[in-house]
Amino acid sequence: MNLEGVPARSLRELELEVEAEGREWTRQRLQQRLQEEAARVGEVFPPQRAAAGASAHPPDAAAHGGRGR
């Protein structure tokens, strides 16, 4: 294998690459475990979004420090 002309990667670059791989592995493992748990309890994963017309604030949001004060 000829590595002449190929610049050496810094330890920081290698560290960032391995950390990114670890995050992706963890994300995939979490998704797998969540899917398994959802199947076990009979729920849908990922959860379905609420209807588009749903309000971000409950009707009494003003009473709890929301808008409308």
Protein backbone atom coordinates (compact mmCIF):
# COMPACT_ATOMS: atom_id res chain seq x y z
CA MET A 1 0.00 0.00 0.00
CA ASN A 2 1.52 3.31 -1.08
CA LEU A 3 0.78 6.22 1.28
CA GLU A 4 3.18 8.69 -0.29
CA GLY A 5 1.49 11.95 -1.15
CA VAL A 6 -1.38 11.29 1.24
CA PRO A 7 -1.26 13.78 4.12
CA ALA A 8 -1.35 12.32 7.60
CA ARG A 9 -4.58 12.95 9.45
CA SER A 10 -4.37 14.67 12.77
CA LEU A 11 -5.37 12.94 15.96
CA ARG A 12 -8.21 15.46 16.27
CA GLU A 13 -9.57 14.50 12.84
CA LEU A 14 -9.46 10.83 13.78
CA GLU A 15 -11.11 11.57 17.12
CA LEU A 16 -13.95 13.51 15.47
CA GLU A 17 -14.51 10.75 12.92
CA VAL A 18 -14.67 8.03 15.56
CA GLU A 19 -16.97 10.13 17.77
CA ALA A 20 -19.32 10.65 14.82
CA GLU A 21 -19.33 6.91 14.14
CA GLY A 22 -20.11 6.29 17.81
CA ARG A 23 -23.00 8.76 17.80
CA GLU A 24 -24.46 7.13 14.70
CA TRP A 25 -24.12 3.65 16.21
CA THR A 26 -25.79 4.87 19.41
CA ARG A 27 -28.62 6.54 17.44
CA GLN A 28 -29.27 3.35 15.48
CA ARG A 29 -29.17 1.21 18.64
CA LEU A 30 -31.59 3.56 20.42
CA GLN A 31 -33.96 3.48 17.46
CA GLN A 32 -33.81 -0.31 17.41
CA ARG A 33 -34.53 -0.56 21.15
CA LEU A 34 -37.39 1.93 20.88
CA GLN A 35 -38.89 -0.03 17.99
CA GLU A 36 -38.62 -3.24 20.02
CA GLU A 37 -40.29 -1.62 23.03
CA ALA A 38 -43.05 -0.10 20.88
CA ALA A 39 -43.71 -3.52 19.33
CA ARG A 40 -43.79 -5.09 22.79
CA VAL A 41 -46.44 -2.67 24.08
CA GLY A 42 -48.27 -2.39 20.75
CA GLU A 43 -47.61 1.29 20.09
CA VAL A 44 -46.53 3.06 16.90
CA PHE A 45 -43.00 4.45 16.71
CA PRO A 46 -42.14 7.09 15.84
CA PRO A 47 -45.22 8.74 17.34
CA GLN A 48 -47.58 10.38 14.88
CA ARG A 49 -47.64 14.18 14.80
CA ALA A 50 -50.69 15.98 16.10
CA ALA A 51 -53.14 17.44 13.58
CA ALA A 52 -51.92 20.59 11.82
CA GLY A 53 -54.70 22.67 13.39
CA ALA A 54 -53.62 21.90 16.95
CA SER A 55 -52.57 24.91 18.98
CA ALA A 56 -49.09 25.13 20.44
CA HIS A 57 -50.55 26.70 23.59
CA PRO A 58 -53.38 25.23 25.66
CA PRO A 59 -56.56 27.35 25.87
CA ASP A 60 -55.60 28.53 29.36
CA ALA A 61 -52.00 29.42 28.41
CA ALA A 62 -52.49 32.99 29.67
CA ALA A 63 -53.20 31.65 33.14
CA HIS A 64 -49.90 29.79 33.08
CA GLY A 65 -47.63 32.58 31.85
CA GLY A 66 -48.31 32.17 28.15
CA ARG A 67 -49.47 34.82 25.69
CA GLY A 68 -52.44 37.02 26.32
CA ARG A 69 -51.39 38.68 29.55
